[in-house]
């Protein structure tokens, strides 16, 4: 994982063959919104996983990747 990636995400999809869940990290832009992150991640998934282009997103989360105990 890139140390500059301060945000963790996961996205689950419903496909004709079942459910697929992906996750990753990225560096968020200053003042980014959750909807902007969703759209950015969704576009990345469509580009990297073309078979998920028409899949339905059934779950999504984005949050800080840091665990400051």
N, C-alpha and C. Protein backbone atom coordinates (compact mmCIF):
# COMPACT_ATOMS: atom_id res chain seq x y z
N UNK A 1 0.84 -1.18 0.00
CA UNK A 1 0.00 0.00 0.00
C UNK A 1 0.88 1.24 0.00
N UNK A 2 0.49 2.22 -0.73
CA UNK A 2 1.19 3.49 -0.80
C UNK A 2 0.94 4.28 0.47
N UNK A 3 2.00 4.76 1.12
CA UNK A 3 1.86 5.50 2.38
C UNK A 3 1.07 6.79 2.20
N UNK A 4 1.03 7.33 0.98
CA UNK A 4 0.28 8.55 0.71
C UNK A 4 -1.22 8.30 0.58
N UNK A 5 -1.60 7.06 0.50
CA UNK A 5 -3.02 6.72 0.35
C UNK A 5 -3.67 6.76 1.72
N UNK A 6 -4.40 7.83 1.99
CA UNK A 6 -4.94 8.07 3.32
C UNK A 6 -6.39 7.64 3.48
N UNK A 7 -6.98 7.11 2.42
CA UNK A 7 -8.40 6.78 2.45
C UNK A 7 -8.61 5.34 2.01
N UNK A 8 -9.41 4.62 2.78
CA UNK A 8 -9.76 3.23 2.46
C UNK A 8 -11.18 3.20 1.90
N UNK A 9 -11.43 2.31 0.95
CA UNK A 9 -12.78 2.16 0.40
C UNK A 9 -13.08 0.69 0.16
N UNK A 10 -14.37 0.39 0.14
CA UNK A 10 -14.82 -0.90 -0.38
C UNK A 10 -16.11 -0.68 -1.14
N UNK A 11 -16.35 -1.53 -2.11
CA UNK A 11 -17.54 -1.44 -2.94
C UNK A 11 -17.97 -2.87 -3.29
N UNK A 12 -19.24 -3.18 -3.04
CA UNK A 12 -19.78 -4.50 -3.37
C UNK A 12 -20.76 -4.36 -4.52
N UNK A 13 -20.74 -5.33 -5.41
CA UNK A 13 -21.54 -5.31 -6.63
C UNK A 13 -22.39 -6.56 -6.72
N UNK A 14 -23.57 -6.40 -7.24
CA UNK A 14 -24.44 -7.54 -7.57
C UNK A 14 -24.30 -7.77 -9.06
N UNK A 15 -23.91 -8.99 -9.42
CA UNK A 15 -23.77 -9.35 -10.83
C UNK A 15 -24.67 -10.55 -11.11
N UNK A 16 -24.74 -10.94 -12.35
CA UNK A 16 -25.56 -12.09 -12.71
C UNK A 16 -25.00 -13.38 -12.10
N UNK A 17 -23.72 -13.36 -11.73
CA UNK A 17 -23.12 -14.56 -11.16
C UNK A 17 -22.97 -14.50 -9.64
N UNK A 18 -23.44 -13.43 -9.02
CA UNK A 18 -23.35 -13.34 -7.56
C UNK A 18 -22.92 -11.96 -7.09
N UNK A 19 -22.21 -11.93 -5.98
CA UNK A 19 -21.74 -10.68 -5.38
C UNK A 19 -20.22 -10.64 -5.45
N UNK A 20 -19.69 -9.49 -5.82
CA UNK A 20 -18.25 -9.25 -5.87
C UNK A 20 -17.95 -8.04 -5.01
N UNK A 21 -16.93 -8.14 -4.17
CA UNK A 21 -16.51 -7.01 -3.34
C UNK A 21 -15.07 -6.67 -3.64
N UNK A 22 -14.81 -5.40 -3.85
CA UNK A 22 -13.46 -4.89 -4.10
C UNK A 22 -13.12 -3.89 -3.01
N UNK A 23 -11.83 -3.68 -2.77
CA UNK A 23 -11.41 -2.65 -1.83
C UNK A 23 -10.06 -2.11 -2.24
N UNK A 24 -9.72 -0.98 -1.67
CA UNK A 24 -8.43 -0.38 -1.97
C UNK A 24 -8.23 0.89 -1.17
N UNK A 25 -7.18 1.60 -1.52
CA UNK A 25 -6.87 2.87 -0.88
C UNK A 25 -6.58 3.90 -1.96
N UNK A 26 -6.71 5.16 -1.59
CA UNK A 26 -6.36 6.24 -2.51
C UNK A 26 -6.09 7.50 -1.72
N UNK A 27 -5.49 8.48 -2.37
CA UNK A 27 -5.24 9.79 -1.76
C UNK A 27 -6.39 10.69 -2.13
N UNK A 28 -7.12 11.13 -1.14
CA UNK A 28 -8.28 11.99 -1.41
C UNK A 28 -7.82 13.41 -1.69
N UNK A 29 -8.62 14.10 -2.46
CA UNK A 29 -8.37 15.50 -2.75
C UNK A 29 -8.84 16.33 -1.56
N UNK A 30 -8.23 17.49 -1.32
CA UNK A 30 -8.71 18.36 -0.24
C UNK A 30 -10.18 18.71 -0.46
N UNK A 31 -10.95 18.70 0.59
CA UNK A 31 -12.38 19.05 0.57
C UNK A 31 -13.21 18.09 -0.30
N UNK A 32 -12.72 16.87 -0.50
CA UNK A 32 -13.45 15.90 -1.31
C UNK A 32 -14.76 15.52 -0.61
N UNK A 33 -15.75 15.16 -1.40
CA UNK A 33 -17.02 14.70 -0.86
C UNK A 33 -17.12 13.19 -1.04
N UNK A 34 -18.04 12.57 -0.31
CA UNK A 34 -18.24 11.13 -0.45
C UNK A 34 -18.76 10.78 -1.85
N UNK A 35 -19.66 11.60 -2.38
CA UNK A 35 -20.20 11.30 -3.72
C UNK A 35 -19.11 11.42 -4.78
N UNK A 36 -18.21 12.39 -4.61
CA UNK A 36 -17.11 12.53 -5.57
C UNK A 36 -16.19 11.31 -5.49
N UNK A 37 -15.93 10.84 -4.26
CA UNK A 37 -15.10 9.64 -4.10
C UNK A 37 -15.79 8.43 -4.72
N UNK A 38 -17.10 8.29 -4.47
CA UNK A 38 -17.86 7.18 -5.06
C UNK A 38 -17.73 7.20 -6.58
N UNK A 39 -17.95 8.34 -7.19
CA UNK A 39 -17.89 8.45 -8.65
C UNK A 39 -16.49 8.16 -9.17
N UNK A 40 -15.47 8.65 -8.47
CA UNK A 40 -14.08 8.40 -8.88
C UNK A 40 -13.75 6.91 -8.79
N UNK A 41 -14.14 6.29 -7.70
CA UNK A 41 -13.85 4.87 -7.52
C UNK A 41 -14.66 4.03 -8.50
N UNK A 42 -15.92 4.38 -8.70
CA UNK A 42 -16.76 3.63 -9.64
C UNK A 42 -16.17 3.69 -11.05
N UNK A 43 -15.70 4.86 -11.46
CA UNK A 43 -15.08 5.00 -12.78
C UNK A 43 -13.81 4.15 -12.88
N UNK A 44 -13.02 4.13 -11.81
CA UNK A 44 -11.80 3.32 -11.79
C UNK A 44 -12.13 1.83 -11.90
N UNK A 45 -13.15 1.40 -11.17
CA UNK A 45 -13.57 -0.01 -11.23
C UNK A 45 -14.02 -0.36 -12.64
N UNK A 46 -14.84 0.51 -13.26
CA UNK A 46 -15.31 0.24 -14.62
C UNK A 46 -14.15 0.12 -15.60
N UNK A 47 -13.13 0.94 -15.40
CA UNK A 47 -11.97 0.92 -16.28
C UNK A 47 -11.13 -0.34 -16.07
N UNK A 48 -10.92 -0.71 -14.81
CA UNK A 48 -10.04 -1.84 -14.51
C UNK A 48 -10.75 -3.19 -14.51
N UNK A 49 -12.07 -3.18 -14.32
CA UNK A 49 -12.86 -4.41 -14.26
C UNK A 49 -14.07 -4.27 -15.19
N UNK A 50 -13.87 -4.29 -16.50
CA UNK A 50 -14.96 -4.03 -17.45
C UNK A 50 -16.19 -4.91 -17.25
N UNK A 51 -16.01 -6.11 -16.73
CA UNK A 51 -17.15 -7.00 -16.51
C UNK A 51 -18.08 -6.48 -15.41
N UNK A 52 -17.63 -5.47 -14.63
CA UNK A 52 -18.47 -4.87 -13.59
C UNK A 52 -19.11 -3.55 -14.03
N UNK A 53 -18.93 -3.20 -15.29
CA UNK A 53 -19.44 -1.91 -15.77
C UNK A 53 -20.95 -1.77 -15.59
N UNK A 54 -21.69 -2.85 -15.77
CA UNK A 54 -23.15 -2.79 -15.63
C UNK A 54 -23.65 -3.38 -14.31
N UNK A 55 -22.72 -3.74 -13.43
CA UNK A 55 -23.12 -4.30 -12.14
C UNK A 55 -23.76 -3.24 -11.26
N UNK A 56 -24.60 -3.67 -10.36
CA UNK A 56 -25.29 -2.78 -9.43
C UNK A 56 -24.48 -2.69 -8.15
N UNK A 57 -24.18 -1.46 -7.72
CA UNK A 57 -23.47 -1.27 -6.45
C UNK A 57 -24.48 -1.48 -5.33
N UNK A 58 -24.18 -2.42 -4.43
CA UNK A 58 -25.11 -2.70 -3.34
C UNK A 58 -24.56 -2.23 -1.98
N UNK A 59 -23.26 -1.92 -1.92
CA UNK A 59 -22.68 -1.40 -0.69
C UNK A 59 -21.43 -0.62 -1.03
N UNK A 60 -21.19 0.44 -0.27
CA UNK A 60 -20.02 1.28 -0.48
C UNK A 60 -19.67 1.98 0.82
N UNK A 61 -18.37 2.09 1.08
CA UNK A 61 -17.92 2.89 2.21
C UNK A 61 -16.56 3.47 1.88
N UNK A 62 -16.31 4.64 2.42
CA UNK A 62 -15.03 5.30 2.29
C UNK A 62 -14.75 6.00 3.62
N UNK A 63 -13.52 5.82 4.11
CA UNK A 63 -13.17 6.43 5.40
C UNK A 63 -11.67 6.52 5.54
N UNK A 64 -11.26 7.19 6.59
CA UNK A 64 -9.82 7.34 6.84
C UNK A 64 -9.17 5.97 6.95
N UNK A 65 -8.00 5.84 6.39
CA UNK A 65 -7.27 4.60 6.47
C UNK A 65 -6.40 4.53 7.72
N UNK A 66 -6.30 5.60 8.44
CA UNK A 66 -5.48 5.64 9.66
C UNK A 66 -6.26 5.10 10.85
N UNK A 67 -5.55 4.35 11.67
CA UNK A 67 -6.12 3.84 12.92
C UNK A 67 -5.33 4.49 14.05
N UNK A 68 -5.80 5.62 14.48
CA UNK A 68 -5.12 6.36 15.55
C UNK A 68 -5.67 5.92 16.89
N UNK A 69 -5.09 4.87 17.43
CA UNK A 69 -5.58 4.30 18.69
C UNK A 69 -5.21 5.20 19.80
